[in-house]
């Protein structure tokens, strides 16, 4: 099971790191359930860190929004479900991710209770 966390980043204080970190911790606690111990959680902030590192290794300029979105959308497509952080509706990127998830029939959760139902907890 792969859970992708989606939430606003651009224009948020510290790229919304606190909200992503809290969501990651909350979801990781579900690994206590034996059925979910192998669950993988994709955090776009970590995906972004990898993109920045690959750009610097290649000697390229700082990645732009489309570079980040392309990388994150690839990861989103690997997910079995998507967990949306509060305030997602105000983000252009998250709206794009939500639209893609829905079109690909990837279940979407707007809160932990919905995620529990999707995961069968």
C-alpha atoms as a PDB file:
ATOM      1  CA  UNK A   1       0.000   0.000   0.000  1.00  0.00           C
ATOM      2  CA  UNK A   2       1.328   3.412  -0.996  1.00  0.00           C
ATOM      3  CA  UNK A   3      -0.138   6.622   0.432  1.00  0.00           C
ATOM      4  CA  UNK A   4       0.714   9.909  -1.263  1.00  0.00           C
ATOM      5  CA  UNK A   5       0.376  13.084   0.831  1.00  0.00           C
ATOM      6  CA  UNK A   6      -0.844  16.070  -1.175  1.00  0.00           C
ATOM      7  CA  UNK A   7      -0.963  19.614   0.122  1.00  0.00           C
ATOM      8  CA  UNK A   8      -0.101  23.205  -0.655  1.00  0.00           C
ATOM      9  CA  UNK A   9       3.624  24.003  -0.794  1.00  0.00           C
ATOM     10  CA  UNK A  10       4.193  27.065  -2.978  1.00  0.00           C
ATOM     11  CA  UNK A  11       3.740  30.302  -1.041  1.00  0.00           C
ATOM     12  CA  UNK A  12       3.339  28.536   2.302  1.00  0.00           C
ATOM     13  CA  UNK A  13       5.587  29.350   5.276  1.00  0.00           C
ATOM     14  CA  UNK A  14       8.518  26.909   5.194  1.00  0.00           C
ATOM     15  CA  UNK A  15       6.770  25.138   2.281  1.00  0.00           C
ATOM     16  CA  UNK A  16       4.150  23.794   4.720  1.00  0.00           C
ATOM     17  CA  UNK A  17       6.762  21.493   6.248  1.00  0.00           C
ATOM     18  CA  UNK A  18       4.981  21.250   9.607  1.00  0.00           C
ATOM     19  CA  UNK A  19       1.686  20.051   8.089  1.00  0.00           C
ATOM     20  CA  UNK A  20       3.445  17.490   5.889  1.00  0.00           C
ATOM     21  CA  UNK A  21       5.503  16.256   8.831  1.00  0.00           C
ATOM     22  CA  UNK A  22       2.455  15.895  11.077  1.00  0.00           C
ATOM     23  CA  UNK A  23       0.497  14.057   8.379  1.00  0.00           C
ATOM     24  CA  UNK A  24       3.455  11.760   7.728  1.00  0.00           C
ATOM     25  CA  UNK A  25       3.679  10.932  11.451  1.00  0.00           C
ATOM     26  CA  UNK A  26      -0.072  10.328  11.739  1.00  0.00           C
ATOM     27  CA  UNK A  27      -0.089   8.008   8.745  1.00  0.00           C
ATOM     28  CA  UNK A  28       3.093   6.226   9.863  1.00  0.00           C
ATOM     29  CA  UNK A  29       1.355   5.314  13.142  1.00  0.00           C
ATOM     30  CA  UNK A  30      -1.007   3.166  11.090  1.00  0.00           C
ATOM     31  CA  UNK A  31       1.956   0.868  10.376  1.00  0.00           C
ATOM     32  CA  UNK A  32       1.316  -0.621  13.812  1.00  0.00           C
ATOM     33  CA  UNK A  33      -1.467  -2.548  12.116  1.00  0.00           C
ATOM     34  CA  UNK A  34       0.182  -5.774  10.875  1.00  0.00           C
ATOM     35  CA  UNK A  35      -1.599  -5.474   7.503  1.00  0.00           C
ATOM     36  CA  UNK A  36      -0.050  -2.037   6.952  1.00  0.00           C
ATOM     37  CA  UNK A  37       3.478  -2.536   8.274  1.00  0.00           C
ATOM     38  CA  UNK A  38       4.880  -2.447   4.707  1.00  0.00           C
ATOM     39  CA  UNK A  39       2.919   0.678   3.780  1.00  0.00           C
ATOM     40  CA  UNK A  40       4.970   3.327   1.988  1.00  0.00           C
ATOM     41  CA  UNK A  41       4.267   7.033   2.450  1.00  0.00           C
ATOM     42  CA  UNK A  42       5.255   9.516  -0.238  1.00  0.00           C
ATOM     43  CA  UNK A  43       5.955  13.034   0.995  1.00  0.00           C
ATOM     44  CA  UNK A  44       6.276  15.571  -1.864  1.00  0.00           C
ATOM     45  CA  UNK A  45       8.731  17.637   0.181  1.00  0.00           C
ATOM     46  CA  UNK A  46      11.137  14.703   0.063  1.00  0.00           C
ATOM     47  CA  UNK A  47      10.487  14.282  -3.651  1.00  0.00           C
ATOM     48  CA  UNK A  48      11.349  17.974  -4.063  1.00  0.00           C
ATOM     49  CA  UNK A  49      14.586  17.553  -2.125  1.00  0.00           C
ATOM     50  CA  UNK A  50      15.582  14.790  -4.520  1.00  0.00           C
ATOM     51  CA  UNK A  51      14.800  16.993  -7.518  1.00  0.00           C
ATOM     52  CA  UNK A  52      16.946  19.842  -6.146  1.00  0.00           C
ATOM     53  CA  UNK A  53      19.806  17.434  -5.492  1.00  0.00           C
ATOM     54  CA  UNK A  54      19.655  15.972  -9.018  1.00  0.00           C
ATOM     55  CA  UNK A  55      19.634  19.479 -10.520  1.00  0.00           C
ATOM     56  CA  UNK A  56      22.722  20.504  -8.540  1.00  0.00           C
ATOM     57  CA  UNK A  57      24.564  17.304  -9.485  1.00  0.00           C
ATOM     58  CA  UNK A  58      23.820  17.990 -13.155  1.00  0.00           C
ATOM     59  CA  UNK A  59      24.947  21.620 -12.750  1.00  0.00           C
ATOM     60  CA  UNK A  60      21.535  22.962 -13.732  1.00  0.00           C
ATOM     61  CA  UNK A  61      19.693  25.940 -12.268  1.00  0.00           C
ATOM     62  CA  UNK A  62      17.154  25.594  -9.491  1.00  0.00           C
ATOM     63  CA  UNK A  63      14.130  23.520 -10.594  1.00  0.00           C
ATOM     64  CA  UNK A  64      10.902  25.395 -11.261  1.00  0.00           C
ATOM     65  CA  UNK A  65       7.296  24.578 -10.368  1.00  0.00           C
ATOM     66  CA  UNK A  66       6.787  22.362 -13.420  1.00  0.00           C
ATOM     67  CA  UNK A  67       9.893  20.312 -12.576  1.00  0.00           C
ATOM     68  CA  UNK A  68       8.536  19.667  -9.090  1.00  0.00           C
ATOM     69  CA  UNK A  69       5.037  18.884 -10.359  1.00  0.00           C
ATOM     70  CA  UNK A  70       6.286  16.432 -12.984  1.00  0.00           C
ATOM     71  CA  UNK A  71       8.256  14.526 -10.363  1.00  0.00           C
ATOM     72  CA  UNK A  72       5.392  14.568  -7.869  1.00  0.00           C
ATOM     73  CA  UNK A  73       2.801  13.482 -10.435  1.00  0.00           C
ATOM     74  CA  UNK A  74       4.971  10.478 -11.283  1.00  0.00           C
ATOM     75  CA  UNK A  75       4.957   9.528  -7.589  1.00  0.00           C
ATOM     76  CA  UNK A  76       1.229  10.207  -7.303  1.00  0.00           C
ATOM     77  CA  UNK A  77       0.579   7.728 -10.111  1.00  0.00           C
ATOM     78  CA  UNK A  78       2.335   5.016  -8.070  1.00  0.00           C
ATOM     79  CA  UNK A  79       0.009   5.585  -5.089  1.00  0.00           C
ATOM     80  CA  UNK A  80      -2.897   3.425  -3.969  1.00  0.00           C
ATOM     81  CA  UNK A  81      -4.545   6.401  -2.277  1.00  0.00           C
ATOM     82  CA  UNK A  82      -3.991  10.104  -1.668  1.00  0.00           C
ATOM     83  CA  UNK A  83      -4.289  11.970   1.626  1.00  0.00           C
ATOM     84  CA  UNK A  84      -5.026  15.693   1.192  1.00  0.00           C
ATOM     85  CA  UNK A  85      -3.860  18.254   3.713  1.00  0.00           C
ATOM     86  CA  UNK A  86      -6.124  21.032   4.887  1.00  0.00           C
ATOM     87  CA  UNK A  87      -6.277  23.964   2.495  1.00  0.00           C
ATOM     88  CA  UNK A  88      -5.660  21.855  -0.619  1.00  0.00           C
ATOM     89  CA  UNK A  89      -8.409  23.608  -2.582  1.00  0.00           C
ATOM     90  CA  UNK A  90      -6.423  26.893  -2.670  1.00  0.00           C
ATOM     91  CA  UNK A  91      -3.411  25.304  -4.399  1.00  0.00           C
ATOM     92  CA  UNK A  92      -3.052  25.085  -8.167  1.00  0.00           C
ATOM     93  CA  UNK A  93      -0.713  22.092  -7.853  1.00  0.00           C
ATOM     94  CA  UNK A  94      -2.894  20.184  -5.408  1.00  0.00           C
ATOM     95  CA  UNK A  95      -5.970  20.762  -7.558  1.00  0.00           C
ATOM     96  CA  UNK A  96      -4.040  19.252 -10.453  1.00  0.00           C
ATOM     97  CA  UNK A  97      -3.011  16.265  -8.302  1.00  0.00           C
ATOM     98  CA  UNK A  98      -6.574  15.764  -7.086  1.00  0.00           C
ATOM     99  CA  UNK A  99      -7.940  15.885 -10.620  1.00  0.00           C
ATOM    100  CA  UNK A 100      -5.381  13.316 -11.782  1.00  0.00           C
ATOM    101  CA  UNK A 101      -6.086  11.045  -8.790  1.00  0.00           C
ATOM    102  CA  UNK A 102      -9.821  11.161  -9.413  1.00  0.00           C
ATOM    103  CA  UNK A 103      -9.431  10.541 -13.155  1.00  0.00           C
ATOM    104  CA  UNK A 104      -7.201   7.530 -12.396  1.00  0.00           C
ATOM    105  CA  UNK A 105      -9.646   6.208  -9.759  1.00  0.00           C
ATOM    106  CA  UNK A 106      -7.103   6.599  -6.975  1.00  0.00           C
ATOM    107  CA  UNK A 107      -9.092   6.899  -3.722  1.00  0.00           C
ATOM    108  CA  UNK A 108      -8.829  10.317  -2.043  1.00  0.00           C
ATOM    109  CA  UNK A 109      -9.072  11.126   1.663  1.00  0.00           C
ATOM    110  CA  UNK A 110      -9.566  14.601   3.118  1.00  0.00           C
ATOM    111  CA  UNK A 111      -9.153  13.488   6.741  1.00  0.00           C
ATOM    112  CA  UNK A 112      -7.789  10.585   8.766  1.00  0.00           C
ATOM    113  CA  UNK A 113     -11.185   8.890   9.149  1.00  0.00           C
ATOM    114  CA  UNK A 114     -11.576   8.727   5.370  1.00  0.00           C
ATOM    115  CA  UNK A 115      -8.033   7.384   5.071  1.00  0.00           C
ATOM    116  CA  UNK A 116      -8.753   4.689   7.674  1.00  0.00           C
ATOM    117  CA  UNK A 117     -11.779   3.568   5.629  1.00  0.00           C
ATOM    118  CA  UNK A 118      -9.725   3.418   2.439  1.00  0.00           C
ATOM    119  CA  UNK A 119      -6.994   1.442   4.200  1.00  0.00           C
ATOM    120  CA  UNK A 120      -9.503  -0.828   5.934  1.00  0.00           C
ATOM    121  CA  UNK A 121      -8.368   0.102   9.431  1.00  0.00           C
END
